[in-house]
Protein backbone atom coordinates (compact mmCIF):
# COMPACT_ATOMS: atom_id res chain seq x y z
CA UNK A 1 13.12 -34.88 -8.22
CA UNK A 2 10.42 -37.10 -6.64
CA UNK A 3 10.28 -36.03 -3.34
CA UNK A 4 8.12 -37.85 -0.15
CA UNK A 5 6.75 -35.68 2.61
CA UNK A 6 6.97 -37.79 6.05
CA UNK A 7 3.79 -36.10 8.60
CA UNK A 8 1.53 -37.07 11.29
CA UNK A 9 -1.98 -37.12 11.56
CA UNK A 10 -2.30 -33.33 12.91
CA UNK A 11 -0.56 -31.89 10.35
CA UNK A 12 -1.70 -34.31 7.09
CA UNK A 13 -4.17 -32.21 5.72
CA UNK A 14 -2.03 -28.83 6.10
CA UNK A 15 0.56 -31.01 4.22
CA UNK A 16 -1.80 -32.32 1.37
CA UNK A 17 -3.34 -28.92 0.72
CA UNK A 18 -0.08 -27.15 0.57
CA UNK A 19 1.85 -29.95 -2.36
CA UNK A 20 -1.91 -30.19 -3.80
CA UNK A 21 -0.59 -28.86 -6.97
CA UNK A 22 2.82 -30.62 -7.06
CA UNK A 23 3.10 -34.17 -8.89
CA UNK A 24 6.37 -34.66 -8.04
CA UNK A 25 5.70 -34.48 -4.00
CA UNK A 26 3.89 -37.50 -2.20
CA UNK A 27 2.86 -37.93 1.48
CA UNK A 28 3.88 -40.74 3.65
CA UNK A 29 1.40 -40.31 6.66
CA UNK A 30 2.95 -42.01 9.80
CA UNK A 31 0.87 -43.31 12.41
CA UNK A 32 1.89 -40.65 15.09
CA UNK A 33 -0.36 -36.93 15.93
CA UNK A 34 2.61 -34.57 16.12
CA UNK A 35 4.93 -34.70 13.01
CA UNK A 36 8.31 -33.48 14.72
CA UNK A 37 8.05 -36.15 17.49
CA UNK A 38 7.62 -39.00 14.66
CA UNK A 39 10.51 -41.40 15.57
CA UNK A 40 12.47 -43.75 12.97
CA UNK A 41 11.03 -46.60 14.01
CA UNK A 42 7.73 -45.13 13.01
CA UNK A 43 8.95 -44.14 9.97
CA UNK A 44 10.01 -47.44 9.19
CA UNK A 45 6.72 -49.27 10.18
CA UNK A 46 4.64 -46.59 8.19
CA UNK A 47 6.82 -47.12 5.04
CA UNK A 48 7.22 -50.98 5.00
CA UNK A 49 2.97 -51.29 5.07
CA UNK A 50 2.38 -48.40 2.42
CA UNK A 51 1.98 -48.69 -1.25
CA UNK A 52 4.29 -46.04 -2.00
CA UNK A 53 7.24 -48.31 -1.58
CA UNK A 54 6.49 -49.18 -5.22
CA UNK A 55 7.63 -45.54 -6.17
CA UNK A 56 10.89 -44.09 -6.77
CA UNK A 57 11.96 -41.33 -4.81
CA UNK A 58 14.86 -39.20 -4.19
CA UNK A 59 14.87 -37.59 -0.93
CA UNK A 60 12.47 -37.57 1.75
CA UNK A 61 11.38 -34.76 3.90
CA UNK A 62 10.15 -34.63 7.93
CA UNK A 63 9.27 -31.88 9.90
CA UNK A 64 11.45 -29.00 10.35
CA UNK A 65 11.09 -29.20 14.30
CA UNK A 66 12.28 -32.47 14.33
CA UNK A 67 15.61 -33.16 16.39
CA UNK A 68 15.29 -36.69 15.51
CA UNK A 69 18.53 -38.76 13.65
CA UNK A 70 16.96 -40.44 10.66
CA UNK A 71 20.07 -42.62 9.19
CA UNK A 72 18.55 -45.84 9.93
CA UNK A 73 15.37 -45.00 8.87
CA UNK A 74 17.01 -43.74 5.27
CA UNK A 75 19.08 -46.88 5.21
CA UNK A 76 15.61 -48.92 5.38
CA UNK A 77 13.82 -46.18 2.34
CA UNK A 78 16.87 -46.43 0.41
CA UNK A 79 16.79 -42.62 0.09
CA UNK A 80 18.11 -39.55 2.21
CA UNK A 81 15.93 -38.27 4.98
CA UNK A 82 16.22 -34.30 5.39
CA UNK A 83 14.38 -31.63 7.62
CA UNK A 84 11.89 -29.65 5.75
CA UNK A 85 10.51 -26.69 6.26
CA UNK A 86 9.04 -25.67 9.62
CA UNK A 87 5.49 -24.81 8.24
CA UNK A 88 3.56 -27.02 5.41
CA UNK A 89 3.02 -23.50 3.73
CA UNK A 90 6.48 -23.63 2.73
CA UNK A 91 6.72 -26.91 1.56
CA UNK A 92 6.29 -25.96 -2.15
CA UNK A 93 9.13 -23.72 -2.01
CA UNK A 94 11.31 -26.02 -0.51
CA UNK A 95 10.48 -28.39 -3.01
CA UNK A 96 11.83 -26.16 -5.85
CA UNK A 97 15.59 -26.14 -3.86
CA UNK A 98 18.31 -28.29 -5.57
CA UNK A 99 18.65 -31.83 -3.85
CA UNK A 100 22.56 -30.24 -2.54
CA UNK A 101 20.35 -27.85 -0.66
CA UNK A 102 18.77 -29.93 2.12
CA UNK A 103 20.21 -30.80 5.22
CA UNK A 104 19.99 -33.69 7.89
CA UNK A 105 20.09 -30.92 10.43
CA UNK A 106 18.82 -27.54 9.29
CA UNK A 107 15.10 -26.95 8.31
CA UNK A 108 14.44 -26.59 4.81
CA UNK A 109 12.85 -22.90 5.11
CA UNK A 110 16.27 -21.82 6.74
CA UNK A 111 17.92 -23.02 3.78
CA UNK A 112 15.71 -21.36 1.55
CA UNK A 113 15.23 -18.14 3.27
CA UNK A 114 19.23 -17.64 3.51
CA UNK A 115 19.82 -19.04 -0.19
CA UNK A 116 17.71 -16.13 -1.22
CA UNK A 117 18.97 -13.65 1.05
CA UNK A 118 22.30 -14.51 0.09
CA UNK A 119 21.68 -14.31 -3.93
CA UNK A 120 19.67 -10.89 -3.00
CA UNK A 121 23.01 -9.62 -1.39
CA UNK A 122 25.15 -10.87 -4.24
CA UNK A 123 22.73 -9.08 -7.09
CA UNK A 124 22.77 -5.75 -5.37
CA UNK A 125 26.44 -6.11 -4.66
CA UNK A 126 27.57 -6.64 -8.38
CA UNK A 127 25.16 -4.27 -9.15
CA UNK A 128 26.66 -1.38 -7.09
CA UNK A 129 29.83 -2.59 -7.75
CA UNK A 130 28.99 -1.35 -11.26
CA UNK A 131 27.45 1.77 -10.57
CA UNK A 132 29.74 2.78 -8.06
CA UNK A 133 32.85 2.09 -10.34
CA UNK A 134 34.39 5.73 -11.07
CA UNK A 135 34.42 4.44 -14.85
CA UNK A 136 30.61 3.98 -14.76
CA UNK A 137 29.41 7.42 -16.24
CA UNK A 138 26.05 8.68 -16.30
CA UNK A 139 25.29 12.42 -16.24
CA UNK A 140 22.43 12.05 -13.97
CA UNK A 141 24.82 11.03 -10.92
CA UNK A 142 26.55 13.47 -8.69
CA UNK A 143 29.22 12.70 -6.31
CA UNK A 144 28.89 13.74 -2.56
CA UNK A 145 32.29 13.78 -1.30
CA UNK A 146 33.77 15.88 1.56
CA UNK A 147 36.81 18.07 1.00
CA UNK A 148 39.78 19.44 2.81
CA UNK A 149 39.21 21.51 5.71
CA UNK A 150 40.31 25.57 5.33
CA UNK A 151 42.61 25.58 8.99
CA UNK A 152 41.44 28.94 9.45
CA UNK A 153 41.80 29.32 13.51
CA UNK A 154 43.98 28.08 15.89
CA UNK A 155 41.37 25.88 17.69
CA UNK A 156 40.50 24.39 14.00
CA UNK A 157 42.86 21.27 14.93
CA UNK A 158 41.84 20.44 18.86
CA UNK A 159 38.82 18.56 17.41
CA UNK A 160 41.57 15.77 15.97
CA UNK A 161 43.18 15.56 18.79
CA UNK A 162 40.62 13.54 20.94
CA UNK A 163 41.95 10.44 21.96
CA UNK A 164 39.14 8.36 21.45
CA UNK A 165 39.59 8.63 17.89
CA UNK A 166 42.75 8.34 17.76
CA UNK A 167 43.20 5.00 15.89
CA UNK A 168 41.21 6.47 12.92
CA UNK A 169 43.60 7.57 10.27
CA UNK A 170 43.04 11.33 9.33
CA UNK A 171 42.73 12.19 5.93
CA UNK A 172 44.77 15.79 6.77
CA UNK A 173 48.17 13.75 7.46
CA UNK A 174 47.61 12.44 3.54
CA UNK A 175 49.93 14.14 1.16
CA UNK A 176 47.76 16.44 -0.90
CA UNK A 177 47.82 15.12 -4.21
CA UNK A 178 45.85 11.92 -2.59
CA UNK A 179 43.73 14.01 0.21
CA UNK A 180 40.57 14.39 -2.63
CA UNK A 181 40.67 10.59 -3.35
CA UNK A 182 40.80 9.52 0.25
CA UNK A 183 38.33 11.44 1.38
CA UNK A 184 34.15 9.25 1.77
CA UNK A 185 32.54 9.88 -1.11
CA UNK A 186 28.67 8.74 -2.23
CA UNK A 187 27.07 8.56 -5.81
CA UNK A 188 23.71 9.56 -6.05
CA UNK A 189 21.34 10.04 -8.93
CA UNK A 190 20.54 8.17 -11.89
CA UNK A 191 20.65 4.29 -11.85
CA UNK A 192 22.05 4.63 -8.06
CA UNK A 193 20.29 2.69 -5.39
CA UNK A 194 18.62 5.90 -3.33
CA UNK A 195 20.93 6.45 -0.59
CA UNK A 196 20.16 7.16 3.03
CA UNK A 197 20.90 10.15 4.65
CA UNK A 198 20.76 10.21 8.68
CA UNK A 199 20.28 13.02 10.79
CA UNK A 200 22.05 13.70 14.04
CA UNK A 201 19.70 16.31 15.42
CA UNK A 202 21.10 19.03 17.07
CA UNK A 203 24.50 17.65 16.53
CA UNK A 204 27.09 20.45 17.95
CA UNK A 205 25.12 19.83 21.49
CA UNK A 206 26.43 16.33 21.81
CA UNK A 207 30.40 15.31 23.23
CA UNK A 208 32.79 14.17 20.95
CA UNK A 209 32.41 10.71 22.18
CA UNK A 210 28.42 10.93 21.63
CA UNK A 211 28.86 12.18 18.23
CA UNK A 212 31.15 9.52 17.20
CA UNK A 213 28.68 7.11 19.12
CA UNK A 214 25.89 8.34 16.94
CA UNK A 215 27.74 8.26 13.57
CA UNK A 216 29.00 4.71 14.01
CA UNK A 217 25.58 3.60 15.03
CA UNK A 218 23.85 5.00 11.99
CA UNK A 219 26.86 3.80 9.81
CA UNK A 220 26.07 0.40 10.79
CA UNK A 221 22.33 1.13 10.10
CA UNK A 222 23.27 1.28 6.76
CA UNK A 223 23.27 5.45 6.51
CA UNK A 224 25.13 6.45 3.19
CA UNK A 225 25.77 9.64 4.37
CA UNK A 226 25.33 11.23 7.88
CA UNK A 227 23.65 14.98 8.31
CA UNK A 228 24.44 17.05 11.17
CA UNK A 229 21.37 19.03 12.71
CA UNK A 230 22.74 22.61 13.58
CA UNK A 231 20.50 24.93 15.86
CA UNK A 232 20.17 28.35 14.73
CA UNK A 233 22.05 29.53 17.78
CA UNK A 234 24.98 27.81 17.58
CA UNK A 235 28.20 29.91 16.82
CA UNK A 236 30.05 29.58 13.86
CA UNK A 237 33.13 28.33 15.45
CA UNK A 238 31.36 25.64 17.04
CA UNK A 239 29.66 24.44 13.73
CA UNK A 240 33.27 24.31 12.34
CA UNK A 241 34.80 22.16 14.82
CA UNK A 242 31.98 19.60 15.05
CA UNK A 243 31.58 19.06 11.74
CA UNK A 244 35.55 19.21 11.29
CA UNK A 245 35.43 16.36 13.67
CA UNK A 246 32.32 14.71 12.26
CA UNK A 247 34.17 14.62 8.91
CA UNK A 248 37.58 13.09 10.62
CA UNK A 249 35.52 10.05 12.37
CA UNK A 250 32.95 9.20 9.44
CA UNK A 251 33.50 6.84 6.88
CA UNK A 252 30.83 8.29 4.71
CA UNK A 253 30.35 11.74 3.67
CA UNK A 254 29.22 14.72 6.13
CA UNK A 255 26.15 16.89 5.46
CA UNK A 256 25.34 20.31 7.67
CA UNK A 257 21.88 20.98 8.28
CA UNK A 258 21.27 24.75 8.22
CA UNK A 259 20.00 27.70 6.27
CA UNK A 260 21.91 30.34 8.12
CA UNK A 261 24.84 31.54 5.96
CA UNK A 262 27.15 32.08 8.41
CA UNK A 263 26.60 28.42 9.60
CA UNK A 264 27.01 26.93 6.10
CA UNK A 265 30.12 28.84 5.56
CA UNK A 266 31.70 27.55 8.41
CA UNK A 267 30.59 24.03 7.50
CA UNK A 268 31.68 24.05 4.13
CA UNK A 269 35.44 25.22 5.57
CA UNK A 270 35.55 22.53 7.79
CA UNK A 271 35.03 19.87 5.15
CA UNK A 272 31.65 18.81 4.38
CA UNK A 273 30.60 17.60 1.24
CA UNK A 274 26.83 18.37 1.55
CA UNK A 275 25.12 21.33 2.59
CA UNK A 276 21.16 21.19 3.58
CA UNK A 277 19.86 23.86 2.25
CA UNK A 278 20.32 26.17 -0.29
CA UNK A 279 17.60 28.79 -0.54
CA UNK A 280 16.32 31.90 -3.05
CA UNK A 281 16.86 33.79 0.20
CA UNK A 282 20.49 32.70 1.13
CA UNK A 283 22.42 31.60 -1.92
CA UNK A 284 24.02 34.53 -2.74
CA UNK A 285 25.15 35.40 0.78
CA UNK A 286 26.41 31.56 0.73
CA UNK A 287 28.62 32.08 -2.01
CA UNK A 288 30.50 35.69 -0.72
CA UNK A 289 31.25 33.99 2.67
CA UNK A 290 32.58 30.51 1.73
CA UNK A 291 34.27 31.45 -1.32
CA UNK A 292 36.27 28.79 -2.71
CA UNK A 293 35.10 26.32 -0.08
CA UNK A 294 32.33 25.79 -1.92
CA UNK A 295 34.15 24.03 -4.92
CA UNK A 296 33.34 20.58 -5.89
CA UNK A 297 30.40 20.64 -2.86
CA UNK A 298 26.73 19.53 -2.92
CA UNK A 299 24.12 22.02 -2.21
CA UNK A 300 20.46 20.71 -1.71
CA UNK A 301 18.13 23.26 -2.59
CA UNK A 302 14.67 24.32 -1.01
CA UNK A 303 12.07 26.24 -2.91
CA UNK A 304 11.16 29.75 -1.49
CA UNK A 305 10.11 29.87 1.98
CA UNK A 306 6.23 31.32 1.29
CA UNK A 307 5.97 28.00 -0.97
CA UNK A 308 7.59 25.80 1.87
CA UNK A 309 4.65 26.22 4.09
CA UNK A 310 2.21 23.16 4.70
CA UNK A 311 -1.23 23.23 3.31
CA UNK A 312 -3.84 25.47 6.43
CA UNK A 313 -7.52 23.67 6.55
CA UNK A 314 -8.46 26.51 4.35
CA UNK A 315 -6.43 25.60 1.66
CA UNK A 316 -7.12 22.00 1.71
CA UNK A 317 -10.71 22.76 0.60
CA UNK A 318 -9.35 24.22 -2.63
CA UNK A 319 -9.95 22.41 -5.46
CA UNK A 320 -7.54 19.61 -6.57
CA UNK A 321 -4.70 19.81 -7.90
CA UNK A 322 -3.47 22.26 -5.28
CA UNK A 323 -2.38 25.59 -6.99
CA UNK A 324 0.77 25.79 -4.41
CA UNK A 325 1.97 22.36 -5.60
CA UNK A 326 2.71 23.78 -8.97
CA UNK A 327 3.77 27.46 -7.69
CA UNK A 328 6.52 25.37 -5.13
CA UNK A 329 8.01 23.42 -8.15
CA UNK A 330 8.38 26.58 -10.39
CA UNK A 331 10.07 28.55 -7.34
CA UNK A 332 12.09 25.53 -6.81
CA UNK A 333 13.06 25.40 -10.64
CA UNK A 334 13.86 28.93 -10.12
CA UNK A 335 15.90 28.44 -7.07
CA UNK A 336 18.09 25.56 -9.26
CA UNK A 337 18.61 28.01 -11.90
CA UNK A 338 20.04 30.77 -9.58
CA UNK A 339 22.30 28.62 -7.97
CA UNK A 340 23.54 27.14 -11.00
CA UNK A 341 24.43 30.82 -11.80
CA UNK A 342 25.74 31.79 -8.71
CA UNK A 343 28.28 28.84 -8.52
CA UNK A 344 28.85 28.70 -12.00
CA UNK A 345 32.57 28.52 -11.16
CA UNK A 346 32.46 26.17 -8.59
CA UNK A 347 31.88 22.69 -10.05
CA UNK A 348 29.10 22.48 -7.39
CA UNK A 349 26.34 19.69 -7.36
CA UNK A 350 22.81 20.35 -6.59
CA UNK A 351 20.14 18.74 -5.44
CA UNK A 352 16.28 19.48 -5.54
CA UNK A 353 13.94 18.88 -2.71
CA UNK A 354 10.21 19.28 -3.51
CA UNK A 355 9.44 18.93 0.43
CA UNK A 356 7.29 16.33 1.29
CA UNK A 357 4.43 17.52 3.94
CA UNK A 358 3.38 15.62 6.70
CA UNK A 359 0.14 13.80 6.55
CA UNK A 360 -3.05 15.88 7.07
CA UNK A 361 -1.04 18.44 6.10
CA UNK A 362 -0.86 18.07 2.20
CA UNK A 363 0.71 15.15 1.90
CA UNK A 364 -0.90 13.64 -1.41
CA UNK A 365 -0.20 16.99 -3.15
CA UNK A 366 3.34 17.14 -2.12
CA UNK A 367 3.66 13.94 -3.74
CA UNK A 368 2.11 15.28 -6.50
CA UNK A 369 4.65 18.25 -6.99
CA UNK A 370 7.48 15.42 -6.26
CA UNK A 371 5.98 13.65 -9.82
CA UNK A 372 5.73 17.07 -11.53
CA UNK A 373 9.27 18.28 -10.82
CA UNK A 374 10.62 14.78 -11.94
CA UNK A 375 8.53 15.01 -15.31
CA UNK A 376 10.02 18.53 -16.02
CA UNK A 377 13.57 17.85 -14.67
CA UNK A 378 14.11 14.27 -14.83
CA UNK A 379 17.92 15.00 -14.64
CA UNK A 380 18.35 16.36 -11.37
CA UNK A 381 18.41 14.21 -7.84
CA UNK A 382 15.56 14.85 -5.62
CA UNK A 383 15.85 14.31 -1.68
CA UNK A 384 12.71 12.55 0.10
CA UNK A 385 11.95 13.71 3.65
CA UNK A 386 10.72 10.97 4.95
CA UNK A 387 11.05 12.03 8.41
CA UNK A 388 8.75 14.70 7.68
CA UNK A 389 5.90 11.90 7.79
CA UNK A 390 7.17 9.54 9.96
CA UNK A 391 8.10 11.66 12.69
CA UNK A 392 4.85 13.25 12.69
CA UNK A 393 2.71 10.24 12.71
CA UNK A 394 2.04 7.91 15.75
CA UNK A 395 2.59 4.64 13.90
CA UNK A 396 5.15 2.19 13.55
CA UNK A 397 7.71 3.31 11.53
CA UNK A 398 8.63 -0.01 9.69
CA UNK A 399 5.54 -0.13 7.35
CA UNK A 400 5.93 3.40 7.17
CA UNK A 401 9.04 3.32 5.81
CA UNK A 402 8.66 0.79 3.43
CA UNK A 403 5.65 2.53 1.34
CA UNK A 404 7.23 5.82 1.27
CA UNK A 405 10.54 4.50 -0.08
CA UNK A 406 8.60 2.79 -2.89
CA UNK A 407 6.66 5.93 -2.90
CA UNK A 408 10.10 8.05 -3.23
CA UNK A 409 11.54 5.72 -6.06
CA UNK A 410 7.93 6.41 -7.74
CA UNK A 411 8.69 10.21 -7.61
CA UNK A 412 12.24 9.51 -8.83
CA UNK A 413 13.85 10.65 -5.17
CA UNK A 414 17.83 9.76 -5.32
CA UNK A 415 17.97 10.34 -1.47
CA UNK A 416 15.84 9.45 1.33
CA UNK A 417 16.51 11.78 4.28
CA UNK A 418 15.19 10.68 8.47
CA UNK A 419 16.50 11.60 11.60
CA UNK A 420 15.87 8.77 14.57
CA UNK A 421 14.52 11.72 16.76
CA UNK A 422 11.78 9.79 19.12
CA UNK A 423 11.59 6.16 20.44
CA UNK A 424 8.70 5.60 17.37
CA UNK A 425 11.55 6.00 15.30
CA UNK A 426 14.20 4.40 16.19
CA UNK A 427 15.57 2.00 13.46
CA UNK A 428 14.26 4.39 11.01
CA UNK A 429 18.02 4.63 9.04
CA UNK A 430 18.15 0.76 8.86
CA UNK A 431 14.48 0.20 7.51
CA UNK A 432 14.80 2.99 4.89
CA UNK A 433 17.92 1.29 3.71
CA UNK A 434 16.91 -2.08 3.72
CA UNK A 435 13.56 -0.68 1.83
CA UNK A 436 15.64 1.31 -0.61
CA UNK A 437 17.42 -2.44 -1.16
CA UNK A 438 14.13 -4.14 -1.60
CA UNK A 439 13.16 -1.62 -4.20
CA UNK A 440 16.31 -1.77 -6.13
CA UNK A 441 16.23 -5.68 -6.17
CA UNK A 442 12.46 -5.67 -7.60
CA UNK A 443 13.81 -3.13 -10.05
CA UNK A 444 16.62 -5.02 -11.46
CA UNK A 445 14.21 -8.01 -11.76
CA UNK A 446 11.46 -6.21 -12.76
CA UNK A 447 9.26 -7.50 -10.39
CA UNK A 448 7.56 -6.29 -7.09
CA UNK A 449 9.47 -5.60 -4.01
CA UNK A 450 8.26 -9.30 -2.89
CA UNK A 451 9.92 -12.13 -2.33
CA UNK A 452 13.55 -10.66 -2.79
CA UNK A 453 15.26 -12.15 -0.37
CA UNK A 454 15.08 -9.29 1.86
CA UNK A 455 12.01 -8.14 3.97
CA UNK A 456 10.80 -5.66 6.59
CA UNK A 457 8.76 -8.24 8.50
CA UNK A 458 9.47 -7.54 12.00
CA UNK A 459 6.24 -8.50 13.31
CA UNK A 460 4.11 -10.36 11.15
CA UNK A 461 5.25 -13.19 8.54
CA UNK A 462 4.27 -13.97 4.87
CA UNK A 463 2.72 -17.27 5.84
CA UNK A 464 0.26 -17.81 8.71
CA UNK A 465 1.78 -20.02 10.97
CA UNK A 466 -1.04 -23.38 11.59
CA UNK A 467 -2.03 -22.94 15.02
CA UNK A 468 -3.67 -25.49 17.61
CA UNK A 469 -6.92 -26.48 17.10
CA UNK A 470 -9.14 -26.75 20.29
CA UNK A 471 -10.10 -30.40 19.63
CA UNK A 472 -6.25 -31.40 18.64
CA UNK A 473 -5.29 -30.36 22.46
CA UNK A 474 -5.98 -33.50 23.85
CA UNK A 475 -4.34 -35.71 21.36
CA UNK A 476 -1.39 -33.37 21.04
CA UNK A 477 -0.89 -33.30 24.88
CA UNK A 478 -0.99 -37.12 25.01
CA UNK A 479 1.47 -37.65 22.25
CA UNK A 480 3.92 -34.90 24.20
CA UNK A 481 3.31 -36.43 27.29
CA UNK A 482 4.39 -39.74 25.82
CA UNK A 483 7.69 -38.51 24.40
CA UNK A 484 9.21 -37.18 27.40
CA UNK A 485 10.92 -39.13 30.18
CA UNK A 486 9.16 -39.03 33.39
CA UNK A 487 12.45 -39.55 35.04
CA UNK A 488 14.18 -35.96 33.97
CA UNK A 489 14.65 -33.86 36.73
CA UNK A 490 15.80 -30.21 35.89
CA UNK A 491 17.76 -28.12 38.81
CA UNK A 492 17.72 -24.26 38.79
CA UNK A 493 21.33 -22.58 38.88
CA UNK A 494 21.68 -21.60 42.48
CA UNK A 495 18.24 -20.24 43.67
CA UNK A 496 18.49 -22.57 46.84
CA UNK A 497 14.91 -23.65 45.74
CA UNK A 498 13.63 -27.53 45.50
CA UNK A 499 14.65 -29.30 41.97
CA UNK A 500 11.50 -28.81 39.51
CA UNK A 501 10.22 -32.33 38.42
CA UNK A 502 7.87 -33.20 35.58
CA UNK A 503 4.10 -33.62 36.36
CA UNK A 504 3.95 -37.25 36.98
CA UNK A 505 0.53 -36.83 35.04
CA UNK A 506 1.88 -35.51 32.39
CA UNK A 507 2.77 -32.08 30.45
CA UNK A 508 0.63 -29.27 29.60
CA UNK A 509 0.60 -27.87 26.20
CA UNK A 510 0.47 -24.12 25.85
CA UNK A 511 -0.76 -23.20 22.08
CA UNK A 512 -1.75 -19.82 20.20
CA UNK A 513 -5.54 -19.85 19.40
CA UNK A 514 -7.21 -17.27 17.74
CA UNK A 515 -9.80 -15.07 19.87
CA UNK A 516 -12.63 -17.32 18.92
CA UNK A 517 -10.89 -20.32 19.40
CA UNK A 518 -9.68 -19.24 22.91
CA UNK A 519 -13.27 -18.64 24.10
CA UNK A 520 -14.58 -21.78 22.79
CA UNK A 521 -11.39 -23.69 24.35
CA UNK A 522 -11.27 -21.99 27.57
CA UNK A 523 -14.40 -20.69 28.65
CA UNK A 524 -15.99 -17.06 27.57
CA UNK A 525 -15.49 -15.07 30.74
CA UNK A 526 -11.69 -13.97 29.90
CA UNK A 527 -10.35 -10.82 30.99
CA UNK A 528 -10.52 -7.62 28.36
CA UNK A 529 -7.07 -7.00 28.39
CA UNK A 530 -5.40 -9.53 25.96
CA UNK A 531 -2.02 -9.36 28.26
CA UNK A 532 -3.97 -11.05 31.11
CA UNK A 533 -5.95 -13.71 28.78
CA UNK A 534 -3.46 -16.28 28.54
CA UNK A 535 -2.56 -16.70 31.99
CA UNK A 536 -6.22 -16.38 33.23
CA UNK A 537 -6.91 -19.28 31.01
CA UNK A 538 -4.52 -20.98 31.88
CA UNK A 539 -4.75 -20.96 35.43
CA UNK A 540 -8.39 -21.60 35.22
CA UNK A 541 -8.38 -24.79 32.98
CA UNK A 542 -5.46 -26.44 34.61
CA UNK A 543 -7.54 -27.16 37.89
CA UNK A 544 -10.84 -27.50 35.95
CA UNK A 545 -9.61 -29.50 33.17
CA UNK A 546 -6.29 -31.71 33.85
CA UNK A 547 -5.05 -33.74 36.44
CA UNK A 548 -2.17 -32.04 38.39
CA UNK A 549 0.14 -34.92 40.31
CA UNK A 550 2.55 -32.11 40.96
CA UNK A 551 0.91 -29.46 43.55
CA UNK A 552 3.72 -26.91 42.49
CA UNK A 553 2.32 -26.97 38.83
CA UNK A 554 -0.95 -25.37 40.01
CA UNK A 555 -0.39 -22.09 39.05
CA UNK A 556 -2.11 -20.98 42.28
CA UNK A 557 -1.41 -17.12 43.41
CA UNK A 558 0.35 -18.69 46.55
CA UNK A 559 2.69 -20.66 44.45
CA UNK A 560 6.52 -18.72 44.25
CA UNK A 561 8.21 -22.17 42.83
CA UNK A 562 6.88 -20.84 39.27
CA UNK A 563 6.75 -17.48 37.54
CA UNK A 564 5.50 -17.22 34.07
CA UNK A 565 5.85 -14.93 31.72
CA UNK A 566 3.98 -14.61 28.77
CA UNK A 567 5.02 -12.26 25.55
CA UNK A 568 1.98 -11.29 23.21
CA UNK A 569 3.69 -10.27 19.88
């Protein structure tokens, strides 16, 4: 397919560089500075005087920023004119799109991104449908499923009578034969995508409405299971009622996060499908207290308490590898063996937690422990406590969670565990879910987690956007000014103030420059605070370098008609 890219003078060099290795793409430079402001008439004039007329093209691409209708130009050219990408750097990707993907209204990069995202979603959906199908068998897979509550007290049914949840169909109302299959389930381990376990901190202290709201938030964010954090001083009755209610409203399996046997027993009897955690110290007591409520449930198993402690400063000075790594792994393996023996008649599932230590407290050594455990026990699913790192590191969680998910996969993890305990980690559940999907897409395609159609680029982008150079400011400003009608009047809604009018001397163009270019363009004497630089530069430059025909546009401190807010991303 032969493509003609139509662009202006300012973008020509960027476009030329972007398509330099594409023999199937030619460039028509129109006598106009700004590509997005090229008119159909300008296209026709440039085309009729260009030697490119002698060549055959299947389509033409104009700037993705353009809002104009090029139907008349397409009639003259003899082939359709579609909107290309907004950035020249995306032209090679757009050129690989099929003809049917281009649009006269939607920029090609948006079409491309949407197509890649839809393809990624379908690939994941098809894969997970296959893996989640009960007919699919793999000895490494464990199914976490809530169980039938043991209604052992008069108050046990009270949480189910909350009016805010009356629209939910309770599994307790189902016939006994259908109850088990009606409870939400989650398959983990083996070839399954790493599942996200989201912790609700201090769940028993929340009102029923708040608890339901938190559950809904985490499920919408992509949580595969909900973990209820339980404080040590909470009574068994409160644990029971909280877990019972959570199991009732949650569409995904519910976990109880405690190591106290009485609380674990209450949670199991309330129907919790997963327990965090069994330890060498509590396993026998849990079996004794919970009895048959343990049947079919899943337990996360920890090593002994003395091996779970993070490394001290003195221990960090020891030779690598840290002896504690092998000791912790050995303790975990023994704890798993003991749990298998204690619950041998209960058909339980066991998940190992080698314990991820925070940064500066043995993080790399604990990762080595994960690798060692995985090497010795490839069949046992592993929990990876990403929140241990993100909650204790004052940094944006997005990149940290992406990297932690990749490290977790390298370590053979089946479950990614995180709370959202503070403002800095809000969104961690969604971030880990997306990261787990990106990792799985990379594994399916046998590529890196790059260009998968999914990403975690929140504040940055894959390709640098072309800015406005200082030497281009004058010509761009003139082009923009010429394209705007002088007779437009914009009225503000019900403010009682005067109508705003475009300046008869022209429009101001505010562009984003690098720091060095900014200093050169506007003078070096700028504030140290980056949040003040742009407004200061604009206010200094307008009266010094520009002609102002409308005094309200001067940006003076006494001007109440103009308020400017600048957001620095």
